[in-house]
Structures are given as structure tokens and as C-alpha cells.
Amino acid sequence: QMQLVESGGGLVQPGGSLRLSCAASGGRISGYDMGWYRQAPGKHRELFATISPDSTTTYSDSVKDRFTLYRDGAKNTLYLQMNNLKPEDTAVYYCKATYHILDLHYWGQGTQVTVSS
């Protein structure tokens, strides 16, 4: 059973930066498809960034060129560097680990990001 714990959220002004962390235990994130999701008030949870075991990354158009997803295998932690934040980035951010072969899915508890002046 994998556990994921997000951290690093907070209040930031538009144009600012934050780095979110997703620390994993009970499994190696390098063997999972990892994703960052976010859910704004009144909206569905959306997937916006992924990294596969072979390190291929994907980004939604809304965050491309502003957000960078990467992992640290030694720390077994997934990171999301967010730059040039906008008010529309305000949401609860979640990380998810997926092991498709066994249909295993694990979520973190989420961390709040608020972009406001």
C-alpha cells in the first residue's frame, strides 16, 4: 500500500512561484505513472501533468511552459515547480500514483494553492 503526502502549498501573489512535493512511502514512485491533479471550487478534478516510469512528461496547455514536473528517486518524492502563477491556478492540488498492470491507484490528501493579491 503506497502512501502519498503532498506539501508546499500556500498563498502566493500572481506571478509568484511555489514548489509542491509529493513524498511517497510503501512503493517506489519510479515504477508508477505519477500525476498531478487539481480541483478548483465548483469544478471537477483535472489532470494537468504526468510523468511515466521512463520519465516521459506531459502537461496540459493551461500549465505548459509554467509548471515543471520531476522526481527525485533518492528521496522517493515527486515535485511540481510552478512559476508565473495565475489566480486561475487556485485549487487543491493532489498527486496520484497509478500502477496500471494491477489497476492500483493511490491519492495524496491534497494541498491548497491560492493565488491572490
PDB file of N, CA and C in Angstrom:
ATOM      1  N   GLN A   1       0.848  -1.194   0.000  1.00  0.00           N
ATOM      2  CA  GLN A   1       0.000   0.000   0.000  1.00  0.00           C
ATOM      3  C   GLN A   1       0.886   1.246   0.000  1.00  0.00           C
ATOM      4  N   MET A   2       0.746   2.040  -1.040  1.00  0.00           N
ATOM      5  CA  MET A   2       1.543   3.250  -1.133  1.00  0.00           C
ATOM      6  C   MET A   2       0.838   4.402  -0.436  1.00  0.00           C
ATOM      7  N   GLN A   3       1.592   5.220   0.268  1.00  0.00           N
ATOM      8  CA  GLN A   3       1.066   6.444   0.850  1.00  0.00           C
ATOM      9  C   GLN A   3       1.745   7.636   0.195  1.00  0.00           C
ATOM     10  N   LEU A   4       0.943   8.663  -0.066  1.00  0.00           N
ATOM     11  CA  LEU A   4       1.438   9.883  -0.688  1.00  0.00           C
ATOM     12  C   LEU A   4       1.076  11.068   0.191  1.00  0.00           C
ATOM     13  N   VAL A   5       2.025  11.943   0.420  1.00  0.00           N
ATOM     14  CA  VAL A   5       1.785  13.124   1.242  1.00  0.00           C
ATOM     15  C   VAL A   5       2.267  14.356   0.493  1.00  0.00           C
ATOM     16  N   GLU A   6       1.330  15.239   0.158  1.00  0.00           N
ATOM     17  CA  GLU A   6       1.677  16.474  -0.532  1.00  0.00           C
ATOM     18  C   GLU A   6       2.017  17.561   0.480  1.00  0.00           C
ATOM     19  N   SER A   7       2.849  18.484   0.061  1.00  0.00           N
ATOM     20  CA  SER A   7       3.179  19.646   0.871  1.00  0.00           C
ATOM     21  C   SER A   7       3.653  20.763  -0.045  1.00  0.00           C
ATOM     22  N   GLY A   8       3.771  21.957   0.516  1.00  0.00           N
ATOM     23  CA  GLY A   8       4.308  23.077  -0.243  1.00  0.00           C
ATOM     24  C   GLY A   8       3.285  24.082  -0.721  1.00  0.00           C
ATOM     25  N   GLY A   9       2.025  23.819  -0.491  1.00  0.00           N
ATOM     26  CA  GLY A   9       1.004  24.769  -0.913  1.00  0.00           C
ATOM     27  C   GLY A   9       1.012  26.010  -0.037  1.00  0.00           C
ATOM     28  N   GLY A  10       0.223  26.997  -0.445  1.00  0.00           N
ATOM     29  CA  GLY A  10       0.138  28.212   0.332  1.00  0.00           C
ATOM     30  C   GLY A  10      -0.465  29.335  -0.473  1.00  0.00           C
ATOM     31  N   LEU A  11      -0.310  30.535   0.043  1.00  0.00           N
ATOM     32  CA  LEU A  11      -0.811  31.743  -0.606  1.00  0.00           C
ATOM     33  C   LEU A  11       0.343  32.444  -1.311  1.00  0.00           C
ATOM     34  N   VAL A  12       0.133  32.776  -2.569  1.00  0.00           N
ATOM     35  CA  VAL A  12       1.178  33.435  -3.348  1.00  0.00           C
ATOM     36  C   VAL A  12       0.531  34.492  -4.234  1.00  0.00           C
ATOM     37  N   GLN A  13       1.268  35.533  -4.518  1.00  0.00           N
ATOM     38  CA  GLN A  13       0.755  36.591  -5.388  1.00  0.00           C
ATOM     39  C   GLN A  13       0.847  36.176  -6.849  1.00  0.00           C
ATOM     40  N   PRO A  14       0.010  36.733  -7.690  1.00  0.00           N
ATOM     41  CA  PRO A  14       0.122  36.443  -9.131  1.00  0.00           C
ATOM     42  C   PRO A  14       1.528  36.739  -9.632  1.00  0.00           C
ATOM     43  N   GLY A  15       2.019  35.839 -10.458  1.00  0.00           N
ATOM     44  CA  GLY A  15       3.382  35.944 -10.952  1.00  0.00           C
ATOM     45  C   GLY A  15       4.403  35.262 -10.083  1.00  0.00           C
ATOM     46  N   GLY A  16       4.000  34.819  -8.918  1.00  0.00           N
ATOM     47  CA  GLY A  16       4.910  34.162  -7.999  1.00  0.00           C
ATOM     48  C   GLY A  16       5.120  32.691  -8.305  1.00  0.00           C
ATOM     49  N   SER A  17       5.882  32.040  -7.445  1.00  0.00           N
ATOM     50  CA  SER A  17       6.237  30.639  -7.637  1.00  0.00           C
ATOM     51  C   SER A  17       6.009  29.840  -6.367  1.00  0.00           C
ATOM     52  N   LEU A  18       5.759  28.572  -6.561  1.00  0.00           N
ATOM     53  CA  LEU A  18       5.681  27.606  -5.471  1.00  0.00           C
ATOM     54  C   LEU A  18       6.236  26.284  -5.974  1.00  0.00           C
ATOM     55  N   ARG A  19       6.737  25.491  -5.050  1.00  0.00           N
ATOM     56  CA  ARG A  19       7.134  24.124  -5.385  1.00  0.00           C
ATOM     57  C   ARG A  19       6.366  23.178  -4.471  1.00  0.00           C
ATOM     58  N   LEU A  20       5.597  22.316  -5.083  1.00  0.00           N
ATOM     59  CA  LEU A  20       4.872  21.289  -4.350  1.00  0.00           C
ATOM     60  C   LEU A  20       5.687  20.009  -4.308  1.00  0.00           C
ATOM     61  N   SER A  21       5.538  19.286  -3.210  1.00  0.00           N
ATOM     62  CA  SER A  21       6.192  17.991  -3.055  1.00  0.00           C
ATOM     63  C   SER A  21       5.147  16.920  -2.811  1.00  0.00           C
ATOM     64  N   CYS A  22       5.447  15.736  -3.259  1.00  0.00           N
ATOM     65  CA  CYS A  22       4.608  14.565  -3.015  1.00  0.00           C
ATOM     66  C   CYS A  22       5.542  13.445  -2.568  1.00  0.00           C
ATOM     67  N   ALA A  23       5.618  13.260  -1.258  1.00  0.00           N
ATOM     68  CA  ALA A  23       6.515  12.258  -0.697  1.00  0.00           C
ATOM     69  C   ALA A  23       5.800  10.908  -0.628  1.00  0.00           C
ATOM     70  N   ALA A  24       6.464   9.886  -1.127  1.00  0.00           N
ATOM     71  CA  ALA A  24       5.853   8.562  -1.199  1.00  0.00           C
ATOM     72  C   ALA A  24       6.517   7.592  -0.245  1.00  0.00           C
ATOM     73  N   SER A  25       5.727   6.666   0.267  1.00  0.00           N
ATOM     74  CA  SER A  25       6.226   5.558   1.066  1.00  0.00           C
ATOM     75  C   SER A  25       5.427   4.320   0.690  1.00  0.00           C
ATOM     76  N   GLY A  26       6.010   3.160   0.922  1.00  0.00           N
ATOM     77  CA  GLY A  26       5.320   1.923   0.601  1.00  0.00           C
ATOM     78  C   GLY A  26       5.437   1.511  -0.848  1.00  0.00           C
ATOM     79  N   GLY A  27       6.258   2.197  -1.611  1.00  0.00           N
ATOM     80  CA  GLY A  27       6.453   1.876  -3.020  1.00  0.00           C
ATOM     81  C   GLY A  27       7.385   2.889  -3.650  1.00  0.00           C
ATOM     82  N   ARG A  28       8.004   2.521  -4.749  1.00  0.00           N
ATOM     83  CA  ARG A  28       8.928   3.411  -5.446  1.00  0.00           C
ATOM     84  C   ARG A  28       8.185   4.145  -6.551  1.00  0.00           C
ATOM     85  N   ILE A  29       8.204   5.463  -6.507  1.00  0.00           N
ATOM     86  CA  ILE A  29       7.443   6.239  -7.498  1.00  0.00           C
ATOM     87  C   ILE A  29       8.002   6.036  -8.903  1.00  0.00           C
ATOM     88  N   SER A  30       9.252   5.621  -9.003  1.00  0.00           N
ATOM     89  CA  SER A  30       9.839   5.439 -10.331  1.00  0.00           C
ATOM     90  C   SER A  30       9.174   4.295 -11.095  1.00  0.00           C
ATOM     91  N   GLY A  31       8.462   3.440 -10.392  1.00  0.00           N
ATOM     92  CA  GLY A  31       7.787   2.330 -11.042  1.00  0.00           C
ATOM     93  C   GLY A  31       6.321   2.599 -11.355  1.00  0.00           C
ATOM     94  N   TYR A  32       5.863   3.782 -11.030  1.00  0.00           N
ATOM     95  CA  TYR A  32       4.462   4.137 -11.210  1.00  0.00           C
ATOM     96  C   TYR A  32       4.308   5.269 -12.220  1.00  0.00           C
ATOM     97  N   ASP A  33       3.153   5.326 -12.820  1.00  0.00           N
ATOM     98  CA  ASP A  33       2.752   6.535 -13.529  1.00  0.00           C
ATOM     99  C   ASP A  33       2.278   7.522 -12.471  1.00  0.00           C
ATOM    100  N   MET A  34       2.932   8.680 -12.436  1.00  0.00           N
ATOM    101  CA  MET A  34       2.601   9.686 -11.431  1.00  0.00           C
ATOM    102  C   MET A  34       1.927  10.877 -12.097  1.00  0.00           C
ATOM    103  N   GLY A  35       0.964  11.435 -11.409  1.00  0.00           N
ATOM    104  CA  GLY A  35       0.271  12.582 -11.973  1.00  0.00           C
ATOM    105  C   GLY A  35      -0.057  13.622 -10.923  1.00  0.00           C
ATOM    106  N   TRP A  36      -0.153  14.867 -11.373  1.00  0.00           N
ATOM    107  CA  TRP A  36      -0.648  15.957 -10.537  1.00  0.00           C
ATOM    108  C   TRP A  36      -2.027  16.352 -11.056  1.00  0.00           C
ATOM    109  N   TYR A  37      -2.946  16.460 -10.133  1.00  0.00           N
ATOM    110  CA  TYR A  37      -4.310  16.886 -10.421  1.00  0.00           C
ATOM    111  C   TYR A  37      -4.599  18.136  -9.583  1.00  0.00           C
ATOM    112  N   ARG A  38      -5.623  18.847  -9.989  1.00  0.00           N
ATOM    113  CA  ARG A  38      -6.080  19.952  -9.167  1.00  0.00           C
ATOM    114  C   ARG A  38      -7.588  20.081  -9.280  1.00  0.00           C
ATOM    115  N   GLN A  39      -8.159  20.607  -8.212  1.00  0.00           N
ATOM    116  CA  GLN A  39      -9.609  20.789  -8.181  1.00  0.00           C
ATOM    117  C   GLN A  39      -9.918  22.157  -7.610  1.00  0.00           C
ATOM    118  N   ALA A  40     -10.475  22.996  -8.457  1.00  0.00           N
ATOM    119  CA  ALA A  40     -10.901  24.327  -8.030  1.00  0.00           C
ATOM    120  C   ALA A  40     -12.323  24.243  -7.493  1.00  0.00           C
ATOM    121  N   PRO A  41     -12.724  25.197  -6.668  1.00  0.00           N
ATOM    122  CA  PRO A  41     -14.080  25.165  -6.108  1.00  0.00           C
ATOM    123  C   PRO A  41     -15.137  25.102  -7.197  1.00  0.00           C
ATOM    124  N   GLY A  42     -16.047  24.149  -7.060  1.00  0.00           N
ATOM    125  CA  GLY A  42     -17.144  24.017  -8.008  1.00  0.00           C
ATOM    126  C   GLY A  42     -16.771  23.375  -9.326  1.00  0.00           C
ATOM    127  N   LYS A  43     -15.543  22.880  -9.426  1.00  0.00           N
ATOM    128  CA  LYS A  43     -15.088  22.275 -10.673  1.00  0.00           C
ATOM    129  C   LYS A  43     -14.651  20.832 -10.447  1.00  0.00           C
ATOM    130  N   HIS A  44     -14.551  20.100 -11.559  1.00  0.00           N
ATOM    131  CA  HIS A  44     -14.090  18.724 -11.484  1.00  0.00           C
ATOM    132  C   HIS A  44     -12.576  18.700 -11.270  1.00  0.00           C
ATOM    133  N   ARG A  45     -12.124  17.607 -10.713  1.00  0.00           N
ATOM    134  CA  ARG A  45     -10.693  17.420 -10.555  1.00  0.00           C
ATOM    135  C   ARG A  45     -10.096  17.175 -11.937  1.00  0.00           C
ATOM    136  N   GLU A  46      -9.036  17.893 -12.264  1.00  0.00           N
ATOM    137  CA  GLU A  46      -8.435  17.775 -13.582  1.00  0.00           C
ATOM    138  C   GLU A  46      -6.983  17.339 -13.490  1.00  0.00           C
ATOM    139  N   LEU A  47      -6.614  16.498 -14.418  1.00  0.00           N
ATOM    140  CA  LEU A  47      -5.221  16.062 -14.553  1.00  0.00           C
ATOM    141  C   LEU A  47      -4.490  17.078 -15.419  1.00  0.00           C
ATOM    142  N   PHE A  48      -3.335  17.550 -14.956  1.00  0.00           N
ATOM    143  CA  PHE A  48      -2.628  18.539 -15.758  1.00  0.00           C
ATOM    144  C   PHE A  48      -1.157  18.218 -15.989  1.00  0.00           C
ATOM    145  N   ALA A  49      -0.605  17.248 -15.294  1.00  0.00           N
ATOM    146  CA  ALA A  49       0.799  16.908 -15.520  1.00  0.00           C
ATOM    147  C   ALA A  49       1.030  15.454 -15.139  1.00  0.00           C
ATOM    148  N   THR A  50       1.812  14.758 -15.957  1.00  0.00           N
ATOM    149  CA  THR A  50       2.119  13.352 -15.678  1.00  0.00           C
ATOM    150  C   THR A  50       3.586  13.071 -15.953  1.00  0.00           C
ATOM    151  N   ILE A  51       4.090  12.027 -15.282  1.00  0.00           N
ATOM    152  CA  ILE A  51       5.416  11.506 -15.579  1.00  0.00           C
ATOM    153  C   ILE A  51       5.335   9.997 -15.518  1.00  0.00           C
ATOM    154  N   SER A  52       5.864   9.350 -16.538  1.00  0.00           N
ATOM    155  CA  SER A  52       5.806   7.892 -16.620  1.00  0.00           C
ATOM    156  C   SER A  52       7.092   7.292 -16.054  1.00  0.00           C
ATOM    157  N   PRO A  53       7.111   5.969 -15.871  1.00  0.00           N
ATOM    158  CA  PRO A  53       8.337   5.339 -15.364  1.00  0.00           C
ATOM    159  C   PRO A  53       9.559   5.603 -16.248  1.00  0.00           C
ATOM    160  N   ASP A  54       9.350   5.831 -17.534  1.00  0.00           N
ATOM    161  CA  ASP A  54      10.504   6.112 -18.395  1.00  0.00           C
ATOM    162  C   ASP A  54      10.810   7.602 -18.456  1.00  0.00           C
ATOM    163  N   SER A  55      10.185   8.367 -17.542  1.00  0.00           N
ATOM    164  CA  SER A  55      10.436   9.808 -17.374  1.00  0.00           C
ATOM    165  C   SER A  55       9.808  10.691 -18.438  1.00  0.00           C
ATOM    166  N   THR A  56       8.946  10.144 -19.238  1.00  0.00           N
ATOM    167  CA  THR A  56       8.210  10.980 -20.188  1.00  0.00           C
ATOM    168  C   THR A  56       7.208  11.839 -19.428  1.00  0.00           C
ATOM    169  N   THR A  57       7.204  13.124 -19.731  1.00  0.00           N
ATOM    170  CA  THR A  57       6.282  14.039 -19.061  1.00  0.00           C
ATOM    171  C   THR A  57       5.264  14.590 -20.050  1.00  0.00           C
ATOM    172  N   THR A  58       4.089  14.896 -19.543  1.00  0.00           N
ATOM    173  CA  THR A  58       3.054  15.562 -20.332  1.00  0.00           C
ATOM    174  C   THR A  58       2.454  16.681 -19.491  1.00  0.00           C
ATOM    175  N   TYR A  59       1.988  17.711 -20.159  1.00  0.00           N
ATOM    176  CA  TYR A  59       1.379  18.858 -19.484  1.00  0.00           C
ATOM    177  C   TYR A  59       0.148  19.304 -20.252  1.00  0.00           C
ATOM    178  N   SER A  60      -0.833  19.799 -19.522  1.00  0.00           N
ATOM    179  CA  SER A  60      -1.972  20.403 -20.194  1.00  0.00           C
ATOM    180  C   SER A  60      -1.561  21.776 -20.721  1.00  0.00           C
ATOM    181  N   ASP A  61      -2.305  22.264 -21.668  1.00  0.00           N
ATOM    182  CA  ASP A  61      -1.989  23.576 -22.248  1.00  0.00           C
ATOM    183  C   ASP A  61      -2.045  24.686 -21.204  1.00  0.00           C
ATOM    184  N   SER A  62      -2.877  24.506 -20.192  1.00  0.00           N
ATOM    185  CA  SER A  62      -3.063  25.561 -19.190  1.00  0.00           C
ATOM    186  C   SER A  62      -1.831  25.776 -18.311  1.00  0.00           C
ATOM    187  N   VAL A  63      -0.953  24.767 -18.237  1.00  0.00           N
ATOM    188  CA  VAL A  63       0.219  24.895 -17.351  1.00  0.00           C
ATOM    189  C   VAL A  63       1.537  24.755 -18.107  1.00  0.00           C
ATOM    190  N   LYS A  64       1.465  24.336 -19.354  1.00  0.00           N
ATOM    191  CA  LYS A  64       2.678  24.129 -20.134  1.00  0.00           C
ATOM    192  C   LYS A  64       3.498  25.403 -20.173  1.00  0.00           C
ATOM    193  N   ASP A  65       4.795  25.261 -20.042  1.00  0.00           N
ATOM    194  CA  ASP A  65       5.754  26.368 -20.047  1.00  0.00           C
ATOM    195  C   ASP A  65       5.773  27.161 -18.745  1.00  0.00           C
ATOM    196  N   ARG A  66       4.908  26.807 -17.809  1.00  0.00           N
ATOM    197  CA  ARG A  66       4.936  27.447 -16.481  1.00  0.00           C
ATOM    198  C   ARG A  66       5.246  26.450 -15.367  1.00  0.00           C
ATOM    199  N   PHE A  67       4.764  25.222 -15.518  1.00  0.00           N
ATOM    200  CA  PHE A  67       4.945  24.200 -14.497  1.00  0.00           C
ATOM    201  C   PHE A  67       5.936  23.146 -14.987  1.00  0.00           C
ATOM    202  N   THR A  68       6.706  22.615 -14.046  1.00  0.00           N
ATOM    203  CA  THR A  68       7.648  21.538 -14.370  1.00  0.00           C
ATOM    204  C   THR A  68       7.507  20.431 -13.343  1.00  0.00           C
ATOM    205  N   LEU A  69       7.343  19.233 -13.839  1.00  0.00           N
ATOM    206  CA  LEU A  69       7.177  18.039 -13.010  1.00  0.00           C
ATOM    207  C   LEU A  69       8.459  17.231 -13.046  1.00  0.00           C
ATOM    208  N   TYR A  70       8.936  16.813 -11.895  1.00  0.00           N
ATOM    209  CA  TYR A  70      10.119  15.956 -11.876  1.00  0.00           C
ATOM    210  C   TYR A  70      10.123  15.143 -10.600  1.00  0.00           C
ATOM    211  N   ARG A  71      10.944  14.135 -10.572  1.00  0.00           N
ATOM    212  CA  ARG A  71      11.003  13.282  -9.388  1.00  0.00           C
ATOM    213  C   ARG A  71      12.448  13.108  -8.944  1.00  0.00           C
ATOM    214  N   ASP A  72      12.582  12.854  -7.660  1.00  0.00           N
ATOM    215  CA  ASP A  72      13.867  12.555  -7.046  1.00  0.00           C
ATOM    216  C   ASP A  72      13.800  11.126  -6.538  1.00  0.00           C
ATOM    217  N   GLY A  73      14.473  10.229  -7.237  1.00  0.00           N
ATOM    218  CA  GLY A  73      14.399   8.826  -6.868  1.00  0.00           C
ATOM    219  C   GLY A  73      14.983   8.547  -5.502  1.00  0.00           C
ATOM    220  N   ALA A  74      16.054   9.231  -5.149  1.00  0.00           N
ATOM    221  CA  ALA A  74      16.692   9.002  -3.848  1.00  0.00           C
ATOM    222  C   ALA A  74      15.752   9.367  -2.709  1.00  0.00           C
ATOM    223  N   LYS A  75      14.982  10.429  -2.890  1.00  0.00           N
ATOM    224  CA  LYS A  75      14.039  10.864  -1.856  1.00  0.00           C
ATOM    225  C   LYS A  75      12.659  10.255  -2.056  1.00  0.00           C
ATOM    226  N   ASN A  76      12.482   9.539  -3.165  1.00  0.00           N
ATOM    227  CA  ASN A  76      11.186   8.947  -3.492  1.00  0.00           C
ATOM    228  C   ASN A  76      10.077   9.990  -3.430  1.00  0.00           C
ATOM    229  N   THR A  77      10.357  11.123  -4.032  1.00  0.00           N
ATOM    230  CA  THR A  77       9.466  12.273  -3.966  1.00  0.00           C
ATOM    231  C   THR A  77       9.237  12.851  -5.358  1.00  0.00           C
ATOM    232  N   LEU A  78       8.001  13.218  -5.596  1.00  0.00           N
ATOM    233  CA  LEU A  78       7.602  13.876  -6.834  1.00  0.00           C
ATOM    234  C   LEU A  78       7.472  15.370  -6.557  1.00  0.00           C
ATOM    235  N   TYR A  79       7.937  16.183  -7.481  1.00  0.00           N
ATOM    236  CA  TYR A  79       7.883  17.627  -7.295  1.00  0.00           C
ATOM    237  C   TYR A  79       7.113  18.288  -8.435  1.00  0.00           C
ATOM    238  N   LEU A  80       6.551  19.441  -8.120  1.00  0.00           N
ATOM    239  CA  LEU A  80       5.916  20.270  -9.141  1.00  0.00           C
ATOM    240  C   LEU A  80       6.375  21.701  -8.909  1.00  0.00           C
ATOM    241  N   GLN A  81       7.220  22.178  -9.794  1.00  0.00           N
ATOM    242  CA  GLN A  81       7.659  23.567  -9.744  1.00  0.00           C
ATOM    243  C   GLN A  81       6.665  24.403 -10.536  1.00  0.00           C
ATOM    244  N   MET A  82       6.067  25.377  -9.874  1.00  0.00           N
ATOM    245  CA  MET A  82       5.045  26.211 -10.506  1.00  0.00           C
ATOM    246  C   MET A  82       5.538  27.650 -10.547  1.00  0.00           C
ATOM    247  N   ASN A  83       5.668  28.180 -11.728  1.00  0.00           N
ATOM    248  CA  ASN A  83       6.115  29.551 -11.922  1.00  0.00           C
ATOM    249  C   ASN A  83       5.028  30.381 -12.592  1.00  0.00           C
ATOM    250  N   ASN A  84       5.177  31.689 -12.480  1.00  0.00           N
ATOM    251  CA  ASN A  84       4.219  32.606 -13.101  1.00  0.00           C
ATOM    252  C   ASN A  84       2.778  32.206 -12.779  1.00  0.00           C
ATOM    253  N   LEU A  85       2.512  32.038 -11.509  1.00  0.00           N
ATOM    254  CA  LEU A  85       1.197  31.577 -11.091  1.00  0.00           C
ATOM    255  C   LEU A  85       0.133  32.620 -11.368  1.00  0.00           C
ATOM    256  N   LYS A  86      -1.045  32.131 -11.678  1.00  0.00           N
ATOM    257  CA  LYS A  86      -2.181  32.972 -12.017  1.00  0.00           C
ATOM    258  C   LYS A  86      -3.333  32.692 -11.066  1.00  0.00           C
ATOM    259  N   PRO A  87      -4.242  33.624 -10.892  1.00  0.00           N
ATOM    260  CA  PRO A  87      -5.390  33.371  -9.998  1.00  0.00           C
ATOM    261  C   PRO A  87      -6.162  32.112 -10.383  1.00  0.00           C
ATOM    262  N   GLU A  88      -6.224  31.802 -11.658  1.00  0.00           N
ATOM    263  CA  GLU A  88      -6.954  30.607 -12.088  1.00  0.00           C
ATOM    264  C   GLU A  88      -6.234  29.309 -11.734  1.00  0.00           C
ATOM    265  N   ASP A  89      -5.024  29.403 -11.202  1.00  0.00           N
ATOM    266  CA  ASP A  89      -4.328  28.215 -10.693  1.00  0.00           C
ATOM    267  C   ASP A  89      -4.771  27.858  -9.278  1.00  0.00           C
ATOM    268  N   THR A  90      -5.579  28.707  -8.671  1.00  0.00           N
ATOM    269  CA  THR A  90      -6.065  28.440  -7.320  1.00  0.00           C
ATOM    270  C   THR A  90      -6.879  27.155  -7.294  1.00  0.00           C
ATOM    271  N   ALA A  91      -6.477  26.233  -6.429  1.00  0.00           N
ATOM    272  CA  ALA A  91      -7.128  24.923  -6.360  1.00  0.00           C
ATOM    273  C   ALA A  91      -6.469  24.110  -5.247  1.00  0.00           C
ATOM    274  N   VAL A  92      -7.079  22.984  -4.955  1.00  0.00           N
ATOM    275  CA  VAL A  92      -6.413  21.965  -4.145  1.00  0.00           C
ATOM    276  C   VAL A  92      -5.655  21.057  -5.108  1.00  0.00           C
ATOM    277  N   TYR A  93      -4.382  20.835  -4.830  1.00  0.00           N
ATOM    278  CA  TYR A  93      -3.519  20.059  -5.701  1.00  0.00           C
ATOM    279  C   TYR A  93      -3.276  18.682  -5.087  1.00  0.00           C
ATOM    280  N   TYR A  94      -3.433  17.665  -5.929  1.00  0.00           N
ATOM    281  CA  TYR A  94      -3.286  16.277  -5.497  1.00  0.00           C
ATOM    282  C   TYR A  94      -2.258  15.563  -6.365  1.00  0.00           C
ATOM    283  N   CYS A  95      -1.516  14.661  -5.767  1.00  0.00           N
ATOM    284  CA  CYS A  95      -0.709  13.753  -6.572  1.00  0.00           C
ATOM    285  C   CYS A  95      -1.347  12.365  -6.538  1.00  0.00           C
ATOM    286  N   LYS A  96      -1.088  11.626  -7.588  1.00  0.00           N
ATOM    287  CA  LYS A  96      -1.662  10.288  -7.733  1.00  0.00           C
ATOM    288  C   LYS A  96      -0.619   9.358  -8.315  1.00  0.00           C
ATOM    289  N   ALA A  97      -0.595   8.147  -7.789  1.00  0.00           N
ATOM    290  CA  ALA A  97       0.268   7.093  -8.312  1.00  0.00           C
ATOM    291  C   ALA A  97      -0.610   5.998  -8.902  1.00  0.00           C
ATOM    292  N   THR A  98      -0.273   5.579 -10.099  1.00  0.00           N
ATOM    293  CA  THR A  98      -1.047   4.539 -10.778  1.00  0.00           C
ATOM    294  C   THR A  98      -0.121   3.423 -11.247  1.00  0.00           C
ATOM    295  N   TYR A  99      -0.530   2.198 -10.942  1.00  0.00           N
ATOM    296  CA  TYR A  99       0.179   1.014 -11.441  1.00  0.00           C
ATOM    297  C   TYR A  99      -0.823   0.257 -12.288  1.00  0.00           C
ATOM    298  N   HIS A 100      -0.770   0.499 -13.586  1.00  0.00           N
ATOM    299  CA  HIS A 100      -1.833   0.046 -14.483  1.00  0.00           C
ATOM    300  C   HIS A 100      -1.962  -1.479 -14.541  1.00  0.00           C
ATOM    301  N   ILE A 101      -0.849  -2.169 -14.485  1.00  0.00           N
ATOM    302  CA  ILE A 101      -0.888  -3.628 -14.641  1.00  0.00           C
ATOM    303  C   ILE A 101      -1.780  -4.273 -13.591  1.00  0.00           C
ATOM    304  N   LEU A 102      -1.726  -3.730 -12.370  1.00  0.00           N
ATOM    305  CA  LEU A 102      -2.533  -4.284 -11.286  1.00  0.00           C
ATOM    306  C   LEU A 102      -3.728  -3.397 -10.953  1.00  0.00           C
ATOM    307  N   ASP A 103      -3.948  -2.360 -11.770  1.00  0.00           N
ATOM    308  CA  ASP A 103      -5.070  -1.436 -11.552  1.00  0.00           C
ATOM    309  C   ASP A 103      -5.048  -0.873 -10.131  1.00  0.00           C
ATOM    310  N   LEU A 104      -3.882  -0.404  -9.725  1.00  0.00           N
ATOM    311  CA  LEU A 104      -3.719   0.197  -8.407  1.00  0.00           C
ATOM    312  C   LEU A 104      -3.663   1.717  -8.541  1.00  0.00           C
ATOM    313  N   HIS A 105      -4.364   2.393  -7.659  1.00  0.00           N
ATOM    314  CA  HIS A 105      -4.432   3.858  -7.699  1.00  0.00           C
ATOM    315  C   HIS A 105      -4.312   4.380  -6.277  1.00  0.00           C
ATOM    316  N   TYR A 106      -3.418   5.328  -6.088  1.00  0.00           N
ATOM    317  CA  TYR A 106      -3.212   5.915  -4.762  1.00  0.00           C
ATOM    318  C   TYR A 106      -3.226   7.438  -4.879  1.00  0.00           C
ATOM    319  N   TRP A 107      -3.912   8.060  -3.934  1.00  0.00           N
ATOM    320  CA  TRP A 107      -4.018   9.526  -3.904  1.00  0.00           C
ATOM    321  C   TRP A 107      -3.388  10.088  -2.633  1.00  0.00           C
ATOM    322  N   GLY A 108      -2.869  11.280  -2.746  1.00  0.00           N
ATOM    323  CA  GLY A 108      -2.488  12.026  -1.573  1.00  0.00           C
ATOM    324  C   GLY A 108      -3.694  12.778  -1.027  1.00  0.00           C
ATOM    325  N   GLN A 109      -3.489  13.490   0.071  1.00  0.00           N
ATOM    326  CA  GLN A 109      -4.597  14.176   0.737  1.00  0.00           C
ATOM    327  C   GLN A 109      -4.868  15.555   0.156  1.00  0.00           C
ATOM    328  N   GLY A 110      -3.935  16.065  -0.637  1.00  0.00           N
ATOM    329  CA  GLY A 110      -4.105  17.363  -1.274  1.00  0.00           C
ATOM    330  C   GLY A 110      -3.451  18.493  -0.494  1.00  0.00           C
ATOM    331  N   THR A 111      -3.086  19.537  -1.220  1.00  0.00           N
ATOM    332  CA  THR A 111      -2.528  20.741  -0.617  1.00  0.00           C
ATOM    333  C   THR A 111      -3.124  21.957  -1.328  1.00  0.00           C
ATOM    334  N   GLN A 112      -3.506  22.960  -0.551  1.00  0.00           N
ATOM    335  CA  GLN A 112      -4.195  24.125  -1.115  1.00  0.00           C
ATOM    336  C   GLN A 112      -3.184  25.120  -1.682  1.00  0.00           C
ATOM    337  N   VAL A 113      -3.461  25.560  -2.886  1.00  0.00           N
ATOM    338  CA  VAL A 113      -2.699  26.645  -3.513  1.00  0.00           C
ATOM    339  C   VAL A 113      -3.671  27.783  -3.805  1.00  0.00           C
ATOM    340  N   THR A 114      -3.351  28.946  -3.291  1.00  0.00           N
ATOM    341  CA  THR A 114      -4.180  30.120  -3.524  1.00  0.00           C
ATOM    342  C   THR A 114      -3.327  31.216  -4.142  1.00  0.00           C
ATOM    343  N   VAL A 115      -3.753  31.694  -5.294  1.00  0.00           N
ATOM    344  CA  VAL A 115      -3.025  32.756  -5.991  1.00  0.00           C
ATOM    345  C   VAL A 115      -3.890  34.003  -5.952  1.00  0.00           C
ATOM    346  N   SER A 116      -3.448  34.972  -5.189  1.00  0.00           N
ATOM    347  CA  SER A 116      -4.248  36.178  -4.992  1.00  0.00           C
ATOM    348  C   SER A 116      -3.366  37.325  -4.540  1.00  0.00           C
ATOM    349  N   SER A 117      -3.753  38.515  -4.945  1.00  0.00           N
ATOM    350  CA  SER A 117      -3.037  39.706  -4.481  1.00  0.00           C
ATOM    351  C   SER A 117      -3.695  40.282  -3.236  1.00  0.00           C
TER     352      SER A 117
END
